[in-house]
Amino acid sequence: MADGQGGVIINISSSGALIPLPGVVPYAGAKAALNAMTVSLAHEYGPKVRVNTISAGPFLTDIAKAWPAEARETATNALGRPGRPEEIVTAALFLASSASSFTTGAIVRVDGGMS
């Protein structure tokens, strides 16, 4: 991409990198490293390649099938619920499009307002 016409890279991280919990240290560390890599690569490959990350919170994907029923209905975020898969697609479309032409090295939180 850097040698060609350019492009966009969208990494998928997790709220676990920003709000790490006990028992998932390797996962949280790997996602935190991905966040750092996003910023570094944005500088390394800009201006032709934009590099951003979506930091996803709890989403009702296949993993949610293993969650207790209550966790599939409520979450400890500002919206009080997990996200639906279609709710993360719009963030990816924004980052992939020219609408975000001045956005690079960003960690975009799509987590319902976790804190």
PDB file of N, CA and C in Angstrom:
ATOM      1  N   MET A   1       0.824  -1.197   0.000  1.00  0.00           N
ATOM      2  CA  MET A   1       0.000   0.000   0.000  1.00  0.00           C
ATOM      3  C   MET A   1       0.863   1.255   0.000  1.00  0.00           C
ATOM      4  N   ALA A   2       1.910   1.257   0.810  1.00  0.00           N
ATOM      5  CA  ALA A   2       2.765   2.442   0.904  1.00  0.00           C
ATOM      6  C   ALA A   2       3.498   2.688  -0.409  1.00  0.00           C
ATOM      7  N   ASP A   3       3.854   1.623  -1.105  1.00  0.00           N
ATOM      8  CA  ASP A   3       4.551   1.761  -2.385  1.00  0.00           C
ATOM      9  C   ASP A   3       3.590   1.956  -3.545  1.00  0.00           C
ATOM     10  N   GLY A   4       2.321   1.679  -3.309  1.00  0.00           N
ATOM     11  CA  GLY A   4       1.312   1.801  -4.361  1.00  0.00           C
ATOM     12  C   GLY A   4       0.474   3.048  -4.194  1.00  0.00           C
ATOM     13  N   GLN A   5      -0.821   2.868  -4.345  1.00  0.00           N
ATOM     14  CA  GLN A   5      -1.765   3.984  -4.324  1.00  0.00           C
ATOM     15  C   GLN A   5      -2.247   4.348  -2.925  1.00  0.00           C
ATOM     16  N   GLY A   6      -1.741   3.648  -1.918  1.00  0.00           N
ATOM     17  CA  GLY A   6      -2.163   3.942  -0.557  1.00  0.00           C
ATOM     18  C   GLY A   6      -3.284   3.019  -0.123  1.00  0.00           C
ATOM     19  N   GLY A   7      -3.859   3.316   1.001  1.00  0.00           N
ATOM     20  CA  GLY A   7      -4.943   2.484   1.508  1.00  0.00           C
ATOM     21  C   GLY A   7      -5.235   2.763   2.959  1.00  0.00           C
ATOM     22  N   VAL A   8      -6.026   1.869   3.514  1.00  0.00           N
ATOM     23  CA  VAL A   8      -6.489   2.010   4.889  1.00  0.00           C
ATOM     24  C   VAL A   8      -6.344   0.663   5.590  1.00  0.00           C
ATOM     25  N   ILE A   9      -5.798   0.689   6.781  1.00  0.00           N
ATOM     26  CA  ILE A   9      -5.726  -0.498   7.629  1.00  0.00           C
ATOM     27  C   ILE A   9      -6.594  -0.232   8.849  1.00  0.00           C
ATOM     28  N   ILE A  10      -7.474  -1.174   9.149  1.00  0.00           N
ATOM     29  CA  ILE A  10      -8.323  -1.070  10.341  1.00  0.00           C
ATOM     30  C   ILE A  10      -8.037  -2.293  11.210  1.00  0.00           C
ATOM     31  N   ASN A  11      -7.427  -2.054  12.358  1.00  0.00           N
ATOM     32  CA  ASN A  11      -7.186  -3.127  13.320  1.00  0.00           C
ATOM     33  C   ASN A  11      -8.388  -3.243  14.243  1.00  0.00           C
ATOM     34  N   ILE A  12      -8.611  -4.442  14.758  1.00  0.00           N
ATOM     35  CA  ILE A  12      -9.695  -4.656  15.713  1.00  0.00           C
ATOM     36  C   ILE A  12      -9.080  -5.009  17.060  1.00  0.00           C
ATOM     37  N   SER A  13      -9.295  -4.124  18.020  1.00  0.00           N
ATOM     38  CA  SER A  13      -8.793  -4.315  19.367  1.00  0.00           C
ATOM     39  C   SER A  13      -9.970  -4.571  20.292  1.00  0.00           C
ATOM     40  N   SER A  14      -9.773  -4.299  21.553  1.00  0.00           N
ATOM     41  CA  SER A  14     -10.788  -4.605  22.549  1.00  0.00           C
ATOM     42  C   SER A  14     -10.721  -3.615  23.697  1.00  0.00           C
ATOM     43  N   SER A  15     -11.854  -3.441  24.344  1.00  0.00           N
ATOM     44  CA  SER A  15     -11.876  -2.615  25.548  1.00  0.00           C
ATOM     45  C   SER A  15     -10.962  -3.211  26.612  1.00  0.00           C
ATOM     46  N   GLY A  16     -10.633  -4.489  26.496  1.00  0.00           N
ATOM     47  CA  GLY A  16      -9.713  -5.133  27.426  1.00  0.00           C
ATOM     48  C   GLY A  16      -8.332  -4.505  27.430  1.00  0.00           C
ATOM     49  N   ALA A  17      -7.957  -3.850  26.342  1.00  0.00           N
ATOM     50  CA  ALA A  17      -6.659  -3.171  26.292  1.00  0.00           C
ATOM     51  C   ALA A  17      -6.683  -1.876  27.088  1.00  0.00           C
ATOM     52  N   LEU A  18      -7.834  -1.257  27.192  1.00  0.00           N
ATOM     53  CA  LEU A  18      -7.969   0.030  27.879  1.00  0.00           C
ATOM     54  C   LEU A  18      -8.473  -0.127  29.311  1.00  0.00           C
ATOM     55  N   ILE A  19      -9.226  -1.191  29.555  1.00  0.00           N
ATOM     56  CA  ILE A  19      -9.781  -1.475  30.877  1.00  0.00           C
ATOM     57  C   ILE A  19      -9.465  -2.944  31.189  1.00  0.00           C
ATOM     58  N   PRO A  20      -8.211  -3.255  31.467  1.00  0.00           N
ATOM     59  CA  PRO A  20      -7.836  -4.655  31.670  1.00  0.00           C
ATOM     60  C   PRO A  20      -8.421  -5.226  32.961  1.00  0.00           C
ATOM     61  N   LEU A  21      -8.769  -6.485  32.888  1.00  0.00           N
ATOM     62  CA  LEU A  21      -9.343  -7.188  34.038  1.00  0.00           C
ATOM     63  C   LEU A  21      -8.427  -8.320  34.470  1.00  0.00           C
ATOM     64  N   PRO A  22      -8.524  -8.731  35.725  1.00  0.00           N
ATOM     65  CA  PRO A  22      -7.722  -9.873  36.169  1.00  0.00           C
ATOM     66  C   PRO A  22      -8.074 -11.128  35.364  1.00  0.00           C
ATOM     67  N   GLY A  23      -7.094 -11.973  35.188  1.00  0.00           N
ATOM     68  CA  GLY A  23      -7.334 -13.250  34.525  1.00  0.00           C
ATOM     69  C   GLY A  23      -7.199 -13.227  33.017  1.00  0.00           C
ATOM     70  N   VAL A  24      -7.006 -12.057  32.435  1.00  0.00           N
ATOM     71  CA  VAL A  24      -6.863 -11.957  30.979  1.00  0.00           C
ATOM     72  C   VAL A  24      -5.649 -11.117  30.604  1.00  0.00           C
ATOM     73  N   VAL A  25      -4.599 -11.242  31.404  1.00  0.00           N
ATOM     74  CA  VAL A  25      -3.407 -10.417  31.203  1.00  0.00           C
ATOM     75  C   VAL A  25      -2.800 -10.599  29.810  1.00  0.00           C
ATOM     76  N   PRO A  26      -2.596 -11.831  29.316  1.00  0.00           N
ATOM     77  CA  PRO A  26      -2.012 -11.972  27.977  1.00  0.00           C
ATOM     78  C   PRO A  26      -2.885 -11.339  26.884  1.00  0.00           C
ATOM     79  N   TYR A  27      -4.196 -11.524  26.985  1.00  0.00           N
ATOM     80  CA  TYR A  27      -5.120 -10.947  25.998  1.00  0.00           C
ATOM     81  C   TYR A  27      -5.062  -9.422  26.039  1.00  0.00           C
ATOM     82  N   ALA A  28      -5.162  -8.858  27.244  1.00  0.00           N
ATOM     83  CA  ALA A  28      -5.133  -7.403  27.396  1.00  0.00           C
ATOM     84  C   ALA A  28      -3.804  -6.840  26.905  1.00  0.00           C
ATOM     85  N   GLY A  29      -2.723  -7.525  27.215  1.00  0.00           N
ATOM     86  CA  GLY A  29      -1.403  -7.074  26.769  1.00  0.00           C
ATOM     87  C   GLY A  29      -1.263  -7.097  25.262  1.00  0.00           C
ATOM     88  N   ALA A  30      -1.773  -8.151  24.639  1.00  0.00           N
ATOM     89  CA  ALA A  30      -1.704  -8.255  23.177  1.00  0.00           C
ATOM     90  C   ALA A  30      -2.521  -7.151  22.512  1.00  0.00           C
ATOM     91  N   LYS A  31      -3.697  -6.863  23.046  1.00  0.00           N
ATOM     92  CA  LYS A  31      -4.535  -5.811  22.470  1.00  0.00           C
ATOM     93  C   LYS A  31      -3.926  -4.426  22.721  1.00  0.00           C
ATOM     94  N   ALA A  32      -3.305  -4.225  23.862  1.00  0.00           N
ATOM     95  CA  ALA A  32      -2.624  -2.954  24.132  1.00  0.00           C
ATOM     96  C   ALA A  32      -1.462  -2.769  23.163  1.00  0.00           C
ATOM     97  N   ALA A  33      -0.759  -3.852  22.869  1.00  0.00           N
ATOM     98  CA  ALA A  33       0.334  -3.788  21.893  1.00  0.00           C
ATOM     99  C   ALA A  33      -0.207  -3.440  20.512  1.00  0.00           C
ATOM    100  N   LEU A  34      -1.348  -3.987  20.144  1.00  0.00           N
ATOM    101  CA  LEU A  34      -1.967  -3.662  18.861  1.00  0.00           C
ATOM    102  C   LEU A  34      -2.317  -2.178  18.796  1.00  0.00           C
ATOM    103  N   ASN A  35      -2.814  -1.622  19.888  1.00  0.00           N
ATOM    104  CA  ASN A  35      -3.122  -0.190  19.927  1.00  0.00           C
ATOM    105  C   ASN A  35      -1.863   0.643  19.701  1.00  0.00           C
ATOM    106  N   ALA A  36      -0.775   0.260  20.352  1.00  0.00           N
ATOM    107  CA  ALA A  36       0.491   0.973  20.177  1.00  0.00           C
ATOM    108  C   ALA A  36       1.007   0.812  18.749  1.00  0.00           C
ATOM    109  N   MET A  37       0.867  -0.371  18.207  1.00  0.00           N
ATOM    110  CA  MET A  37       1.306  -0.630  16.841  1.00  0.00           C
ATOM    111  C   MET A  37       0.534   0.239  15.844  1.00  0.00           C
ATOM    112  N   THR A  38      -0.731   0.464  16.115  1.00  0.00           N
ATOM    113  CA  THR A  38      -1.560   1.301  15.248  1.00  0.00           C
ATOM    114  C   THR A  38      -0.971   2.703  15.122  1.00  0.00           C
ATOM    115  N   VAL A  39      -0.620   3.290  16.247  1.00  0.00           N
ATOM    116  CA  VAL A  39      -0.062   4.649  16.248  1.00  0.00           C
ATOM    117  C   VAL A  39       1.279   4.664  15.520  1.00  0.00           C
ATOM    118  N   SER A  40       2.119   3.687  15.805  1.00  0.00           N
ATOM    119  CA  SER A  40       3.433   3.613  15.175  1.00  0.00           C
ATOM    120  C   SER A  40       3.325   3.436  13.660  1.00  0.00           C
ATOM    121  N   LEU A  41       2.463   2.529  13.226  1.00  0.00           N
ATOM    122  CA  LEU A  41       2.313   2.283  11.787  1.00  0.00           C
ATOM    123  C   LEU A  41       1.699   3.473  11.059  1.00  0.00           C
ATOM    124  N   ALA A  42       0.827   4.211  11.742  1.00  0.00           N
ATOM    125  CA  ALA A  42       0.253   5.408  11.130  1.00  0.00           C
ATOM    126  C   ALA A  42       1.356   6.398  10.772  1.00  0.00           C
ATOM    127  N   HIS A  43       2.347   6.530  11.650  1.00  0.00           N
ATOM    128  CA  HIS A  43       3.472   7.425  11.385  1.00  0.00           C
ATOM    129  C   HIS A  43       4.420   6.827  10.350  1.00  0.00           C
ATOM    130  N   GLU A  44       4.608   5.530  10.414  1.00  0.00           N
ATOM    131  CA  GLU A  44       5.550   4.879   9.507  1.00  0.00           C
ATOM    132  C   GLU A  44       5.060   4.879   8.056  1.00  0.00           C
ATOM    133  N   TYR A  45       3.751   4.684   7.863  1.00  0.00           N
ATOM    134  CA  TYR A  45       3.237   4.533   6.499  1.00  0.00           C
ATOM    135  C   TYR A  45       2.435   5.727   5.993  1.00  0.00           C
ATOM    136  N   GLY A  46       2.237   6.741   6.838  1.00  0.00           N
ATOM    137  CA  GLY A  46       1.557   7.942   6.364  1.00  0.00           C
ATOM    138  C   GLY A  46       2.464   8.705   5.417  1.00  0.00           C
ATOM    139  N   PRO A  47       1.960   9.515   4.560  1.00  0.00           N
ATOM    140  CA  PRO A  47       0.558   9.901   4.444  1.00  0.00           C
ATOM    141  C   PRO A  47      -0.257   9.014   3.515  1.00  0.00           C
ATOM    142  N   LYS A  48       0.360   8.049   2.845  1.00  0.00           N
ATOM    143  CA  LYS A  48      -0.389   7.253   1.859  1.00  0.00           C
ATOM    144  C   LYS A  48      -1.293   6.200   2.481  1.00  0.00           C
ATOM    145  N   VAL A  49      -0.912   5.714   3.656  1.00  0.00           N
ATOM    146  CA  VAL A  49      -1.704   4.672   4.317  1.00  0.00           C
ATOM    147  C   VAL A  49      -2.169   5.215   5.662  1.00  0.00           C
ATOM    148  N   ARG A  50      -3.461   5.119   5.896  1.00  0.00           N
ATOM    149  CA  ARG A  50      -4.020   5.485   7.194  1.00  0.00           C
ATOM    150  C   ARG A  50      -4.217   4.206   7.994  1.00  0.00           C
ATOM    151  N   VAL A  51      -3.858   4.259   9.273  1.00  0.00           N
ATOM    152  CA  VAL A  51      -3.959   3.086  10.149  1.00  0.00           C
ATOM    153  C   VAL A  51      -4.731   3.490  11.400  1.00  0.00           C
ATOM    154  N   ASN A  52      -5.844   2.812  11.652  1.00  0.00           N
ATOM    155  CA  ASN A  52      -6.677   3.085  12.813  1.00  0.00           C
ATOM    156  C   ASN A  52      -7.101   1.771  13.459  1.00  0.00           C
ATOM    157  N   THR A  53      -7.611   1.879  14.661  1.00  0.00           N
ATOM    158  CA  THR A  53      -8.087   0.709  15.387  1.00  0.00           C
ATOM    159  C   THR A  53      -9.486   0.947  15.926  1.00  0.00           C
ATOM    160  N   ILE A  54     -10.314  -0.073  15.834  1.00  0.00           N
ATOM    161  CA  ILE A  54     -11.607  -0.080  16.506  1.00  0.00           C
ATOM    162  C   ILE A  54     -11.415  -0.857  17.802  1.00  0.00           C
ATOM    163  N   SER A  55     -11.726  -0.210  18.911  1.00  0.00           N
ATOM    164  CA  SER A  55     -11.661  -0.854  20.223  1.00  0.00           C
ATOM    165  C   SER A  55     -13.074  -1.268  20.598  1.00  0.00           C
ATOM    166  N   ALA A  56     -13.359  -2.543  20.403  1.00  0.00           N
ATOM    167  CA  ALA A  56     -14.715  -3.053  20.611  1.00  0.00           C
ATOM    168  C   ALA A  56     -14.964  -3.403  22.072  1.00  0.00           C
ATOM    169  N   GLY A  57     -16.155  -3.103  22.515  1.00  0.00           N
ATOM    170  CA  GLY A  57     -16.615  -3.521  23.837  1.00  0.00           C
ATOM    171  C   GLY A  57     -17.345  -4.845  23.713  1.00  0.00           C
ATOM    172  N   PRO A  58     -18.279  -5.106  24.610  1.00  0.00           N
ATOM    173  CA  PRO A  58     -19.025  -6.364  24.550  1.00  0.00           C
ATOM    174  C   PRO A  58     -20.002  -6.361  23.373  1.00  0.00           C
ATOM    175  N   PHE A  59     -19.884  -7.367  22.535  1.00  0.00           N
ATOM    176  CA  PHE A  59     -20.763  -7.494  21.368  1.00  0.00           C
ATOM    177  C   PHE A  59     -21.393  -8.863  21.323  1.00  0.00           C
ATOM    178  N   LEU A  60     -22.610  -8.925  20.831  1.00  0.00           N
ATOM    179  CA  LEU A  60     -23.355 -10.174  20.725  1.00  0.00           C
ATOM    180  C   LEU A  60     -22.929 -10.954  19.483  1.00  0.00           C
ATOM    181  N   THR A  61     -21.694 -11.417  19.510  1.00  0.00           N
ATOM    182  CA  THR A  61     -21.177 -12.269  18.441  1.00  0.00           C
ATOM    183  C   THR A  61     -21.198 -13.711  18.956  1.00  0.00           C
ATOM    184  N   ASP A  62     -20.558 -14.605  18.255  1.00  0.00           N
ATOM    185  CA  ASP A  62     -20.563 -16.019  18.652  1.00  0.00           C
ATOM    186  C   ASP A  62     -20.079 -16.229  20.082  1.00  0.00           C
ATOM    187  N   ILE A  63     -19.134 -15.414  20.531  1.00  0.00           N
ATOM    188  CA  ILE A  63     -18.610 -15.580  21.892  1.00  0.00           C
ATOM    189  C   ILE A  63     -19.696 -15.377  22.937  1.00  0.00           C
ATOM    190  N   ALA A  64     -20.690 -14.565  22.634  1.00  0.00           N
ATOM    191  CA  ALA A  64     -21.753 -14.269  23.589  1.00  0.00           C
ATOM    192  C   ALA A  64     -22.617 -15.495  23.895  1.00  0.00           C
ATOM    193  N   LYS A  65     -22.565 -16.496  23.035  1.00  0.00           N
ATOM    194  CA  LYS A  65     -23.336 -17.717  23.301  1.00  0.00           C
ATOM    195  C   LYS A  65     -22.871 -18.394  24.588  1.00  0.00           C
ATOM    196  N   ALA A  66     -21.624 -18.169  24.980  1.00  0.00           N
ATOM    197  CA  ALA A  66     -21.078 -18.763  26.203  1.00  0.00           C
ATOM    198  C   ALA A  66     -21.330 -17.891  27.434  1.00  0.00           C
ATOM    199  N   TRP A  67     -21.852 -16.693  27.241  1.00  0.00           N
ATOM    200  CA  TRP A  67     -22.110 -15.791  28.359  1.00  0.00           C
ATOM    201  C   TRP A  67     -23.375 -16.206  29.097  1.00  0.00           C
ATOM    202  N   PRO A  68     -23.479 -15.864  30.379  1.00  0.00           N
ATOM    203  CA  PRO A  68     -24.751 -16.055  31.080  1.00  0.00           C
ATOM    204  C   PRO A  68     -25.839 -15.195  30.422  1.00  0.00           C
ATOM    205  N   ALA A  69     -27.073 -15.615  30.551  1.00  0.00           N
ATOM    206  CA  ALA A  69     -28.195 -14.906  29.905  1.00  0.00           C
ATOM    207  C   ALA A  69     -28.215 -13.421  30.265  1.00  0.00           C
ATOM    208  N   GLU A  70     -27.946 -13.075  31.515  1.00  0.00           N
ATOM    209  CA  GLU A  70     -27.980 -11.676  31.935  1.00  0.00           C
ATOM    210  C   GLU A  70     -26.933 -10.841  31.195  1.00  0.00           C
ATOM    211  N   ALA A  71     -25.761 -11.416  30.953  1.00  0.00           N
ATOM    212  CA  ALA A  71     -24.693 -10.688  30.253  1.00  0.00           C
ATOM    213  C   ALA A  71     -25.045 -10.446  28.793  1.00  0.00           C
ATOM    214  N   ARG A  72     -25.956 -11.225  28.243  1.00  0.00           N
ATOM    215  CA  ARG A  72     -26.396 -11.001  26.861  1.00  0.00           C
ATOM    216  C   ARG A  72     -27.456  -9.913  26.783  1.00  0.00           C
ATOM    217  N   GLU A  73     -27.950  -9.475  27.939  1.00  0.00           N
ATOM    218  CA  GLU A  73     -28.993  -8.452  27.967  1.00  0.00           C
ATOM    219  C   GLU A  73     -28.528  -7.141  28.586  1.00  0.00           C
ATOM    220  N   THR A  74     -27.549  -7.200  29.497  1.00  0.00           N
ATOM    221  CA  THR A  74     -27.073  -5.993  30.167  1.00  0.00           C
ATOM    222  C   THR A  74     -25.551  -5.947  30.120  1.00  0.00           C
ATOM    223  N   ALA A  75     -25.010  -4.752  30.287  1.00  0.00           N
ATOM    224  CA  ALA A  75     -23.551  -4.577  30.330  1.00  0.00           C
ATOM    225  C   ALA A  75     -23.241  -3.394  31.229  1.00  0.00           C
ATOM    226  N   THR A  76     -22.014  -3.362  31.733  1.00  0.00           N
ATOM    227  CA  THR A  76     -21.603  -2.269  32.614  1.00  0.00           C
ATOM    228  C   THR A  76     -20.998  -1.137  31.785  1.00  0.00           C
ATOM    229  N   ASN A  77     -21.807  -0.596  30.901  1.00  0.00           N
ATOM    230  CA  ASN A  77     -21.411   0.561  30.102  1.00  0.00           C
ATOM    231  C   ASN A  77     -22.526   1.597  30.179  1.00  0.00           C
ATOM    232  N   ALA A  78     -22.310   2.743  29.601  1.00  0.00           N
ATOM    233  CA  ALA A  78     -23.295   3.830  29.686  1.00  0.00           C
ATOM    234  C   ALA A  78     -24.626   3.467  29.035  1.00  0.00           C
ATOM    235  N   LEU A  79     -24.585   2.619  28.008  1.00  0.00           N
ATOM    236  CA  LEU A  79     -25.829   2.214  27.347  1.00  0.00           C
ATOM    237  C   LEU A  79     -26.511   1.045  28.040  1.00  0.00           C
ATOM    238  N   GLY A  80     -25.795   0.381  28.949  1.00  0.00           N
ATOM    239  CA  GLY A  80     -26.398  -0.676  29.748  1.00  0.00           C
ATOM    240  C   GLY A  80     -26.676  -1.975  29.008  1.00  0.00           C
ATOM    241  N   ARG A  81     -26.025  -2.158  27.854  1.00  0.00           N
ATOM    242  CA  ARG A  81     -26.270  -3.372  27.066  1.00  0.00           C
ATOM    243  C   ARG A  81     -25.078  -3.676  26.187  1.00  0.00           C
ATOM    244  N   PRO A  82     -24.969  -4.927  25.747  1.00  0.00           N
ATOM    245  CA  PRO A  82     -23.939  -5.235  24.757  1.00  0.00           C
ATOM    246  C   PRO A  82     -24.364  -4.716  23.376  1.00  0.00           C
ATOM    247  N   GLY A  83     -23.394  -4.585  22.509  1.00  0.00           N
ATOM    248  CA  GLY A  83     -23.677  -4.100  21.163  1.00  0.00           C
ATOM    249  C   GLY A  83     -24.120  -5.221  20.236  1.00  0.00           C
ATOM    250  N   ARG A  84     -24.811  -4.824  19.190  1.00  0.00           N
ATOM    251  CA  ARG A  84     -25.197  -5.751  18.122  1.00  0.00           C
ATOM    252  C   ARG A  84     -24.154  -5.631  17.011  1.00  0.00           C
ATOM    253  N   PRO A  85     -23.832  -6.718  16.340  1.00  0.00           N
ATOM    254  CA  PRO A  85     -22.773  -6.670  15.321  1.00  0.00           C
ATOM    255  C   PRO A  85     -22.920  -5.531  14.314  1.00  0.00           C
ATOM    256  N   GLU A  86     -24.129  -5.236  13.904  1.00  0.00           N
ATOM    257  CA  GLU A  86     -24.315  -4.170  12.912  1.00  0.00           C
ATOM    258  C   GLU A  86     -23.919  -2.800  13.454  1.00  0.00           C
ATOM    259  N   GLU A  87     -23.818  -2.677  14.778  1.00  0.00           N
ATOM    260  CA  GLU A  87     -23.455  -1.392  15.366  1.00  0.00           C
ATOM    261  C   GLU A  87     -21.963  -1.097  15.278  1.00  0.00           C
ATOM    262  N   ILE A  88     -21.160  -2.067  14.947  1.00  0.00           N
ATOM    263  CA  ILE A  88     -19.725  -1.824  14.785  1.00  0.00           C
ATOM    264  C   ILE A  88     -19.376  -1.608  13.313  1.00  0.00           C
ATOM    265  N   VAL A  89     -20.248  -2.066  12.446  1.00  0.00           N
ATOM    266  CA  VAL A  89     -20.010  -1.942  11.006  1.00  0.00           C
ATOM    267  C   VAL A  89     -19.892  -0.479  10.591  1.00  0.00           C
ATOM    268  N   THR A  90     -20.704   0.387  11.163  1.00  0.00           N
ATOM    269  CA  THR A  90     -20.676   1.795  10.759  1.00  0.00           C
ATOM    270  C   THR A  90     -19.341   2.443  11.104  1.00  0.00           C
ATOM    271  N   ALA A  91     -18.753   2.051  12.226  1.00  0.00           N
ATOM    272  CA  ALA A  91     -17.434   2.586  12.578  1.00  0.00           C
ATOM    273  C   ALA A  91     -16.400   2.132  11.562  1.00  0.00           C
ATOM    274  N   ALA A  92     -16.454   0.861  11.164  1.00  0.00           N
ATOM    275  CA  ALA A  92     -15.511   0.343  10.165  1.00  0.00           C
ATOM    276  C   ALA A  92     -15.708   1.037   8.817  1.00  0.00           C
ATOM    277  N   LEU A  93     -16.955   1.243   8.416  1.00  0.00           N
ATOM    278  CA  LEU A  93     -17.222   1.927   7.146  1.00  0.00           C
ATOM    279  C   LEU A  93     -16.697   3.356   7.167  1.00  0.00           C
ATOM    280  N   PHE A  94     -16.881   4.043   8.292  1.00  0.00           N
ATOM    281  CA  PHE A  94     -16.355   5.406   8.432  1.00  0.00           C
ATOM    282  C   PHE A  94     -14.841   5.408   8.272  1.00  0.00           C
ATOM    283  N   LEU A  95     -14.154   4.521   8.987  1.00  0.00           N
ATOM    284  CA  LEU A  95     -12.692   4.498   8.937  1.00  0.00           C
ATOM    285  C   LEU A  95     -12.167   4.074   7.573  1.00  0.00           C
ATOM    286  N   ALA A  96     -12.914   3.276   6.853  1.00  0.00           N
ATOM    287  CA  ALA A  96     -12.487   2.817   5.526  1.00  0.00           C
ATOM    288  C   ALA A  96     -12.765   3.847   4.435  1.00  0.00           C
ATOM    289  N   SER A  97     -13.636   4.803   4.723  1.00  0.00           N
ATOM    290  CA  SER A  97     -14.069   5.747   3.700  1.00  0.00           C
ATOM    291  C   SER A  97     -13.276   7.050   3.722  1.00  0.00           C
ATOM    292  N   SER A  98     -13.484   7.850   2.699  1.00  0.00           N
ATOM    293  CA  SER A  98     -12.839   9.154   2.628  1.00  0.00           C
ATOM    294  C   SER A  98     -13.417  10.131   3.653  1.00  0.00           C
ATOM    295  N   ALA A  99     -14.541   9.779   4.289  1.00  0.00           N
ATOM    296  CA  ALA A  99     -15.104  10.630   5.344  1.00  0.00           C
ATOM    297  C   ALA A  99     -14.146  10.757   6.520  1.00  0.00           C
ATOM    298  N   SER A 100     -13.206   9.823   6.640  1.00  0.00           N
ATOM    299  CA  SER A 100     -12.226   9.871   7.726  1.00  0.00           C
ATOM    300  C   SER A 100     -10.827  10.164   7.197  1.00  0.00           C
ATOM    301  N   SER A 101     -10.734  10.943   6.140  1.00  0.00           N
ATOM    302  CA  SER A 101      -9.454  11.186   5.469  1.00  0.00           C
ATOM    303  C   SER A 101      -8.410  11.877   6.349  1.00  0.00           C
ATOM    304  N   PHE A 102      -8.827  12.496   7.443  1.00  0.00           N
ATOM    305  CA  PHE A 102      -7.884  13.153   8.350  1.00  0.00           C
ATOM    306  C   PHE A 102      -7.762  12.384   9.667  1.00  0.00           C
ATOM    307  N   THR A 103      -8.146  11.125   9.648  1.00  0.00           N
ATOM    308  CA  THR A 103      -8.100  10.282  10.836  1.00  0.00           C
ATOM    309  C   THR A 103      -7.091   9.168  10.622  1.00  0.00           C
ATOM    310  N   THR A 104      -6.031   9.180  11.408  1.00  0.00           N
ATOM    311  CA  THR A 104      -5.048   8.104  11.381  1.00  0.00           C
ATOM    312  C   THR A 104      -4.378   8.025  12.747  1.00  0.00           C
ATOM    313  N   GLY A 105      -3.983   6.823  13.121  1.00  0.00           N
ATOM    314  CA  GLY A 105      -3.390   6.616  14.431  1.00  0.00           C
ATOM    315  C   GLY A 105      -4.398   6.691  15.556  1.00  0.00           C
ATOM    316  N   ALA A 106      -5.679   6.566  15.226  1.00  0.00           N
ATOM    317  CA  ALA A 106      -6.753   6.717  16.227  1.00  0.00           C
ATOM    318  C   ALA A 106      -7.200   5.360  16.767  1.00  0.00           C
ATOM    319  N   ILE A 107      -7.588   5.374  18.023  1.00  0.00           N
ATOM    320  CA  ILE A 107      -8.238   4.232  18.660  1.00  0.00           C
ATOM    321  C   ILE A 107      -9.690   4.661  18.850  1.00  0.00           C
ATOM    322  N   VAL A 108     -10.582   4.105  18.053  1.00  0.00           N
ATOM    323  CA  VAL A 108     -11.991   4.482  18.078  1.00  0.00           C
ATOM    324  C   VAL A 108     -12.729   3.492  18.964  1.00  0.00           C
ATOM    325  N   ARG A 109     -13.231   3.988  20.077  1.00  0.00           N
ATOM    326  CA  ARG A 109     -13.944   3.128  21.020  1.00  0.00           C
ATOM    327  C   ARG A 109     -15.396   2.946  20.573  1.00  0.00           C
ATOM    328  N   VAL A 110     -15.769   1.701  20.396  1.00  0.00           N
ATOM    329  CA  VAL A 110     -17.147   1.333  20.079  1.00  0.00           C
ATOM    330  C   VAL A 110     -17.551   0.336  21.165  1.00  0.00           C
ATOM    331  N   ASP A 111     -17.877   0.876  22.327  1.00  0.00           N
ATOM    332  CA  ASP A 111     -18.041   0.033  23.509  1.00  0.00           C
ATOM    333  C   ASP A 111     -19.249   0.385  24.366  1.00  0.00           C
ATOM    334  N   GLY A 112     -20.133   1.231  23.858  1.00  0.00           N
ATOM    335  CA  GLY A 112     -21.312   1.589  24.609  1.00  0.00           C
ATOM    336  C   GLY A 112     -21.046   2.534  25.777  1.00  0.00           C
ATOM    337  N   GLY A 113     -19.831   3.072  25.843  1.00  0.00           N
ATOM    338  CA  GLY A 113     -19.492   4.003  26.914  1.00  0.00           C
ATOM    339  C   GLY A 113     -18.926   3.322  28.147  1.00  0.00           C
ATOM    340  N   MET A 114     -17.996   2.403  27.944  1.00  0.00           N
ATOM    341  CA  MET A 114     -17.362   1.745  29.086  1.00  0.00           C
ATOM    342  C   MET A 114     -16.420   2.725  29.782  1.00  0.00           C
ATOM    343  N   SER A 115     -16.250   2.542  31.081  1.00  0.00           N
ATOM    344  CA  SER A 115     -15.310   3.387  31.816  1.00  0.00           C
ATOM    345  C   SER A 115     -14.576   2.588  32.859  1.00  0.00           C
TER     346      SER A 115
END
